[in-house]
Amino acid sequence: MSRRKTSVSVDDKLWREWIDFVVHETGSTRKISEWTEDAIRDYMQKKKEAKK
């Protein structure tokens, strides 16, 4: 799967909370992109399931 670097505007406080959450769970900032991608996938899946 290819990757696309992108930019998204996110509330500063929310982004800080997200980084803190990921670091707390993984112990590293290196997982932020992976966890963000997983969160987007999970959100889309839940939305699709809710429409069924």
C-alpha atoms as a PDB file:
ATOM      1  CA  MET A   1       0.000   0.000   0.000  1.00  0.00           C
ATOM      2  CA  SER A   2       1.393   3.390  -0.928  1.00  0.00           C
ATOM      3  CA  ARG A   3       1.445   6.286   1.516  1.00  0.00           C
ATOM      4  CA  ARG A   4       0.388   9.874   1.008  1.00  0.00           C
ATOM      5  CA  LYS A   5       1.768  12.611   3.200  1.00  0.00           C
ATOM      6  CA  THR A   6      -0.991  15.029   4.078  1.00  0.00           C
ATOM      7  CA  SER A   7      -1.851  17.978   6.257  1.00  0.00           C
ATOM      8  CA  VAL A   8      -4.952  18.240   8.411  1.00  0.00           C
ATOM      9  CA  SER A   9      -6.068  21.107  10.649  1.00  0.00           C
ATOM     10  CA  VAL A  10      -6.888  19.826  14.131  1.00  0.00           C
ATOM     11  CA  ASP A  11      -7.729  21.673  17.332  1.00  0.00           C
ATOM     12  CA  ASP A  12      -4.473  22.174  19.280  1.00  0.00           C
ATOM     13  CA  LYS A  13      -5.852  20.736  22.524  1.00  0.00           C
ATOM     14  CA  LEU A  14      -7.313  17.686  20.778  1.00  0.00           C
ATOM     15  CA  TRP A  15      -4.028  16.994  18.945  1.00  0.00           C
ATOM     16  CA  ARG A  16      -2.050  17.292  22.182  1.00  0.00           C
ATOM     17  CA  GLU A  17      -4.482  14.857  23.870  1.00  0.00           C
ATOM     18  CA  TRP A  18      -4.126  12.451  20.933  1.00  0.00           C
ATOM     19  CA  ILE A  19      -0.314  12.560  21.080  1.00  0.00           C
ATOM     20  CA  ASP A  20      -0.376  12.046  24.860  1.00  0.00           C
ATOM     21  CA  PHE A  21      -2.789   9.106  24.434  1.00  0.00           C
ATOM     22  CA  VAL A  22      -0.681   7.394  21.764  1.00  0.00           C
ATOM     23  CA  VAL A  23       2.553   7.915  23.685  1.00  0.00           C
ATOM     24  CA  HIS A  24       0.937   6.587  26.861  1.00  0.00           C
ATOM     25  CA  GLU A  25      -0.299   3.485  25.028  1.00  0.00           C
ATOM     26  CA  THR A  26       2.823   2.790  22.951  1.00  0.00           C
ATOM     27  CA  GLY A  27       5.662   4.556  24.741  1.00  0.00           C
ATOM     28  CA  SER A  28       6.685   6.314  21.524  1.00  0.00           C
ATOM     29  CA  THR A  29       5.779   9.223  19.272  1.00  0.00           C
ATOM     30  CA  ARG A  30       6.781   7.069  16.293  1.00  0.00           C
ATOM     31  CA  LYS A  31       3.367   5.376  16.305  1.00  0.00           C
ATOM     32  CA  ILE A  32       1.292   8.578  15.926  1.00  0.00           C
ATOM     33  CA  SER A  33       0.815   8.255  12.148  1.00  0.00           C
ATOM     34  CA  GLU A  34      -0.023   4.552  12.345  1.00  0.00           C
ATOM     35  CA  TRP A  35      -2.513   5.060  15.173  1.00  0.00           C
ATOM     36  CA  THR A  36      -4.080   8.057  13.422  1.00  0.00           C
ATOM     37  CA  GLU A  37      -4.571   5.980  10.274  1.00  0.00           C
ATOM     38  CA  ASP A  38      -6.071   3.135  12.332  1.00  0.00           C
ATOM     39  CA  ALA A  39      -8.424   5.575  14.091  1.00  0.00           C
ATOM     40  CA  ILE A  40      -9.660   6.911  10.739  1.00  0.00           C
ATOM     41  CA  ARG A  41     -10.251   3.366   9.485  1.00  0.00           C
ATOM     42  CA  ASP A  42     -12.119   2.420  12.672  1.00  0.00           C
ATOM     43  CA  TYR A  43     -14.279   5.541  12.469  1.00  0.00           C
ATOM     44  CA  MET A  44     -15.208   4.906   8.851  1.00  0.00           C
ATOM     45  CA  GLN A  45     -16.013   1.244   9.580  1.00  0.00           C
ATOM     46  CA  LYS A  46     -18.297   2.190  12.477  1.00  0.00           C
ATOM     47  CA  LYS A  47     -20.093   4.764  10.309  1.00  0.00           C
ATOM     48  CA  LYS A  48     -20.604   2.180   7.553  1.00  0.00           C
ATOM     49  CA  GLU A  49     -21.940  -0.379  10.024  1.00  0.00           C
ATOM     50  CA  ALA A  50     -24.321   2.174  11.565  1.00  0.00           C
ATOM     51  CA  LYS A  51     -25.903   2.789   8.140  1.00  0.00           C
ATOM     52  CA  LYS A  52     -26.770  -0.904   7.689  1.00  0.00           C
END
